[in-house]
Amino acid sequence: MDYMTLREASEKWGVSSRQINYYCVEGRIPGAVKMAGVWLLPKAADKPADKRRKQNKGGEKL
């Protein structure tokens, strides 16, 4: 399996590497592993949904 670092994921998803670190700690990225103090994420992983966003009655994100 191919992996990417937090920095590569932050460039790909447009968020800070610190935010991605939070996603990893919370277990929100399936397949993410921590090896020798470094998080490795599967290259095929999708960006987790932002929990701060709520859906309105029509099912669309605000």
Protein backbone atom coordinates (compact mmCIF):
# COMPACT_ATOMS: atom_id res chain seq x y z
CA MET A 1 0.00 0.00 0.00
CA ASP A 2 1.26 3.47 -0.83
CA TYR A 3 1.37 6.03 1.97
CA MET A 4 1.68 9.80 2.23
CA THR A 5 2.87 12.00 5.07
CA LEU A 6 0.88 14.64 6.91
CA ARG A 7 2.55 17.35 4.82
CA GLU A 8 1.63 15.65 1.53
CA ALA A 9 -1.96 15.18 2.71
CA SER A 10 -2.20 18.81 3.83
CA GLU A 11 -1.17 19.98 0.36
CA LYS A 12 -3.58 17.56 -1.30
CA TRP A 13 -6.59 18.45 0.89
CA GLY A 14 -5.88 22.13 1.50
CA VAL A 15 -5.83 22.00 5.31
CA SER A 16 -3.02 22.31 7.85
CA SER A 17 -0.92 19.32 8.80
CA ARG A 18 -1.97 19.93 12.41
CA GLN A 19 -5.63 19.45 11.46
CA ILE A 20 -4.76 16.18 9.71
CA ASN A 21 -2.90 15.11 12.85
CA TYR A 22 -6.14 15.64 14.80
CA TYR A 23 -8.01 13.51 12.23
CA CYS A 24 -5.48 10.70 12.74
CA VAL A 25 -5.61 10.85 16.54
CA GLU A 26 -9.42 10.73 16.44
CA GLY A 27 -9.32 7.72 14.09
CA ARG A 28 -11.17 9.54 11.31
CA ILE A 29 -8.82 8.41 8.52
CA PRO A 30 -9.15 4.67 7.87
CA GLY A 31 -5.82 2.93 7.35
CA ALA A 32 -3.70 5.66 8.96
CA VAL A 33 -0.81 4.23 10.98
CA LYS A 34 1.78 5.79 13.24
CA MET A 35 5.30 4.48 12.66
CA ALA A 36 8.30 5.79 14.62
CA GLY A 37 6.33 8.88 15.67
CA VAL A 38 5.19 9.76 12.13
CA TRP A 39 1.66 9.37 10.81
CA LEU A 40 1.36 7.63 7.45
CA LEU A 41 -1.92 7.89 5.54
CA PRO A 42 -3.04 5.77 2.59
CA LYS A 43 -2.69 7.74 -0.67
CA ALA A 44 -6.23 6.70 -1.62
CA ALA A 45 -7.73 8.08 1.62
CA ASP A 46 -10.43 10.73 1.30
CA LYS A 47 -10.51 13.89 3.38
CA PRO A 48 -12.83 13.40 6.39
CA ALA A 49 -15.95 15.55 6.54
CA ASP A 50 -15.70 18.69 8.63
CA LYS A 51 -17.69 18.11 11.84
CA ARG A 52 -18.24 21.86 12.18
CA ARG A 53 -20.49 21.81 9.11
CA LYS A 54 -24.10 20.82 9.63
CA GLN A 55 -26.59 19.73 7.01
CA ASN A 56 -29.79 21.67 6.49
CA LYS A 57 -33.22 20.10 6.02
CA GLY A 58 -32.64 19.59 2.28
CA GLY A 59 -29.56 17.47 2.92
CA GLU A 60 -27.20 20.05 1.44
CA LYS A 61 -24.22 21.29 3.37
CA LEU A 62 -24.37 24.89 4.48
